[in-house]
Protein backbone atom coordinates (compact mmCIF):
# COMPACT_ATOMS: atom_id res chain seq x y z
CA MET A 1 9.89 12.50 11.07
CA GLY A 2 6.97 11.33 9.04
CA TYR A 3 4.06 9.05 9.84
CA SER A 4 4.72 5.46 10.90
CA GLY A 5 1.93 3.00 11.63
CA LYS A 6 -0.36 0.23 10.41
CA LEU A 7 -3.82 0.63 9.01
CA SER A 8 -6.15 -2.08 7.87
CA TYR A 9 -9.16 -2.17 5.59
CA SER A 10 -11.87 -4.79 6.01
CA ASP A 11 -15.61 -4.92 6.34
CA GLY A 12 -15.83 -1.69 4.37
CA ARG A 13 -13.85 0.48 6.71
CA TRP A 14 -10.33 1.51 7.84
CA SER A 15 -9.01 0.87 11.30
CA THR A 16 -5.78 1.02 13.21
CA GLY A 17 -6.39 -2.47 14.52
CA GLY A 18 -6.04 -5.69 12.60
CA PRO A 19 -8.50 -6.76 9.88
CA THR A 20 -11.80 -8.28 11.03
CA ALA A 21 -12.71 -10.16 7.85
CA VAL A 22 -11.47 -11.21 4.47
CA PRO A 23 -10.90 -9.76 2.00
CA PHE A 24 -8.55 -7.35 3.79
CA LEU A 25 -5.75 -4.88 3.09
CA ILE A 26 -2.99 -3.86 5.48
CA LEU A 27 -0.89 -0.74 5.01
CA ASP A 28 2.32 -0.55 7.01
CA VAL A 29 3.76 2.94 6.58
CA HIS A 30 7.40 3.59 7.50
CA ASP A 31 8.28 7.20 8.35
CA SER A 32 6.26 8.45 5.31
CA GLY A 33 9.10 6.98 3.18
CA PHE A 34 7.52 3.81 1.94
CA ALA A 35 4.57 1.52 2.64
CA THR A 36 4.24 -2.23 2.63
CA VAL A 37 0.85 -3.33 1.25
CA ASP A 38 -0.46 -6.79 2.13
CA TYR A 39 -3.72 -7.95 0.70
CA ARG A 40 -5.74 -11.21 1.10
CA ARG A 41 -8.76 -12.46 -0.79
CA ALA A 42 -11.52 -14.66 0.59
CA ASP A 43 -9.82 -17.74 -0.84
CA ALA A 44 -6.65 -16.87 1.21
CA SER A 45 -4.68 -15.90 -1.93
CA GLY A 46 -2.99 -12.56 -1.82
CA GLY A 47 0.29 -10.77 -2.03
CA ARG A 48 2.63 -8.02 -1.00
CA PHE A 49 4.09 -4.97 -2.67
CA PHE A 50 5.57 -1.68 -1.77
CA LEU A 51 4.67 1.95 -2.47
CA ARG A 52 7.26 4.64 -3.08
CA TYR A 53 10.38 2.53 -2.43
CA GLU A 54 11.12 -1.15 -1.97
CA PRO A 55 12.86 -1.52 1.42
CA ARG A 56 16.04 -2.80 -0.24
CA PHE A 57 16.47 0.60 -1.86
CA TYR A 58 15.10 2.69 1.00
CA PHE A 59 17.57 1.16 3.49
CA ASP A 60 20.29 0.53 0.86
CA ASP A 61 20.27 -3.14 1.93
CA ALA A 62 19.69 -5.87 -0.62
CA ASP A 63 18.49 -8.22 2.16
CA ALA A 64 15.82 -5.83 3.52
CA ALA A 65 13.14 -7.52 1.39
CA ASP A 66 12.83 -9.69 -1.62
CA PRO A 67 12.37 -7.99 -5.02
CA VAL A 68 8.75 -7.69 -6.05
CA ASP A 69 7.31 -8.95 -9.33
CA ALA A 70 5.43 -5.70 -9.97
CA ALA A 71 3.38 -7.03 -12.95
CA ALA A 72 2.20 -10.12 -10.98
CA GLU A 73 1.37 -7.96 -7.88
CA ALA A 74 -0.50 -5.43 -9.96
CA GLU A 75 -2.64 -8.33 -11.42
CA GLY A 76 -3.20 -9.80 -7.98
CA PHE A 77 -4.16 -6.47 -6.40
CA THR A 78 -6.53 -5.85 -9.30
CA ARG A 79 -8.30 -9.13 -8.54
CA TRP A 80 -8.42 -8.16 -4.82
CA VAL A 81 -10.00 -4.80 -5.67
CA VAL A 82 -12.69 -6.43 -7.81
CA GLU A 83 -13.54 -8.83 -4.98
CA ALA A 84 -13.40 -6.19 -2.22
CA THR A 85 -15.13 -3.24 -3.95
CA GLY A 86 -16.37 -4.41 -7.34
CA THR A 87 -14.25 -1.68 -8.98
CA PRO A 88 -12.71 -2.78 -12.30
CA LEU A 89 -9.08 -1.74 -12.72
CA ASP A 90 -6.40 -1.84 -15.37
CA PRO A 91 -3.35 -3.59 -13.85
CA ALA A 92 -1.14 -1.08 -15.66
CA ASP A 93 -2.74 1.75 -13.61
CA VAL A 94 -1.94 -0.15 -10.41
CA GLN A 95 1.62 -1.02 -11.53
CA ALA A 96 2.33 2.62 -12.18
CA LEU A 97 1.85 3.29 -8.43
CA LEU A 98 4.08 0.44 -7.22
CA ALA A 99 7.66 1.07 -6.06
CA SER A 100 10.10 0.79 -8.89
CA PRO A 101 11.81 -2.62 -8.91
CA ALA A 102 14.92 -0.76 -10.18
CA GLY A 103 14.88 1.78 -7.37
CA VAL A 104 13.89 4.73 -9.57
CA PRO A 105 12.98 7.70 -7.28
CA PRO A 106 9.20 8.01 -6.83
CA GLU A 107 7.01 10.85 -8.03
CA ASP A 108 5.35 11.51 -4.64
CA GLU A 109 7.28 13.27 -1.87
CA VAL A 110 5.63 11.15 0.87
CA VAL A 111 4.05 7.77 0.64
CA GLU A 112 0.69 8.95 2.00
CA LEU A 113 0.08 10.68 -1.34
CA THR A 114 0.73 7.47 -3.22
CA VAL A 115 -1.55 5.56 -0.82
CA ASP A 116 -4.30 8.10 -1.35
CA ARG A 117 -4.01 7.72 -5.11
CA MET A 118 -4.09 3.93 -4.83
CA ILE A 119 -7.15 3.81 -2.61
CA GLU A 120 -9.01 6.31 -4.83
CA LEU A 121 -8.21 4.20 -7.85
CA ALA A 122 -9.45 1.13 -5.98
CA GLY A 123 -12.74 2.74 -4.95
CA LEU A 124 -11.93 2.44 -1.24
CA PRO A 125 -13.02 5.12 1.26
CA PRO A 126 -10.34 7.69 2.02
CA VAL A 127 -7.92 7.17 4.91
CA ASP A 128 -8.28 9.51 7.84
CA TRP A 129 -4.55 9.79 8.49
CA PRO A 130 -3.70 9.76 12.18
CA THR A 131 -1.83 12.86 13.29
CA ASP A 132 0.55 13.40 16.16
CA PRO A 133 -0.22 16.70 17.94
CA HIS A 134 3.29 16.74 19.33
CA ALA A 135 5.05 16.30 15.97
CA TYR A 136 7.06 19.11 14.35
CA ALA A 137 5.22 21.05 11.65
CA GLY A 138 6.30 20.36 8.10
């Protein structure tokens, strides 16, 4: 089993609790297989996208989640990043990290690698991934 859990970014730091301010970002990681990314700006606009796989492909269930407009979400996340960190981004660089809307298998073996690439691109501090001392190695 991989990592499952929620992490949030607000007020310049990551936590395992909910966000404490806007703008904020929430990562919901499912068994290292995919992550749901929710972001909100100070004006309450925001969005949702997935990393590695969209749930409809991961679970082989068309009703698991609505399809994502990857181009629109890449634009929205780019605006969030500028507001949250001041880091200018090319939406094409963000879109390259998003789960394929066609279900094409991802480049990264686990979603934590994709998350790490996304937060580095966004200029966010690195995530200190929680570990389970009782989990199996590998």
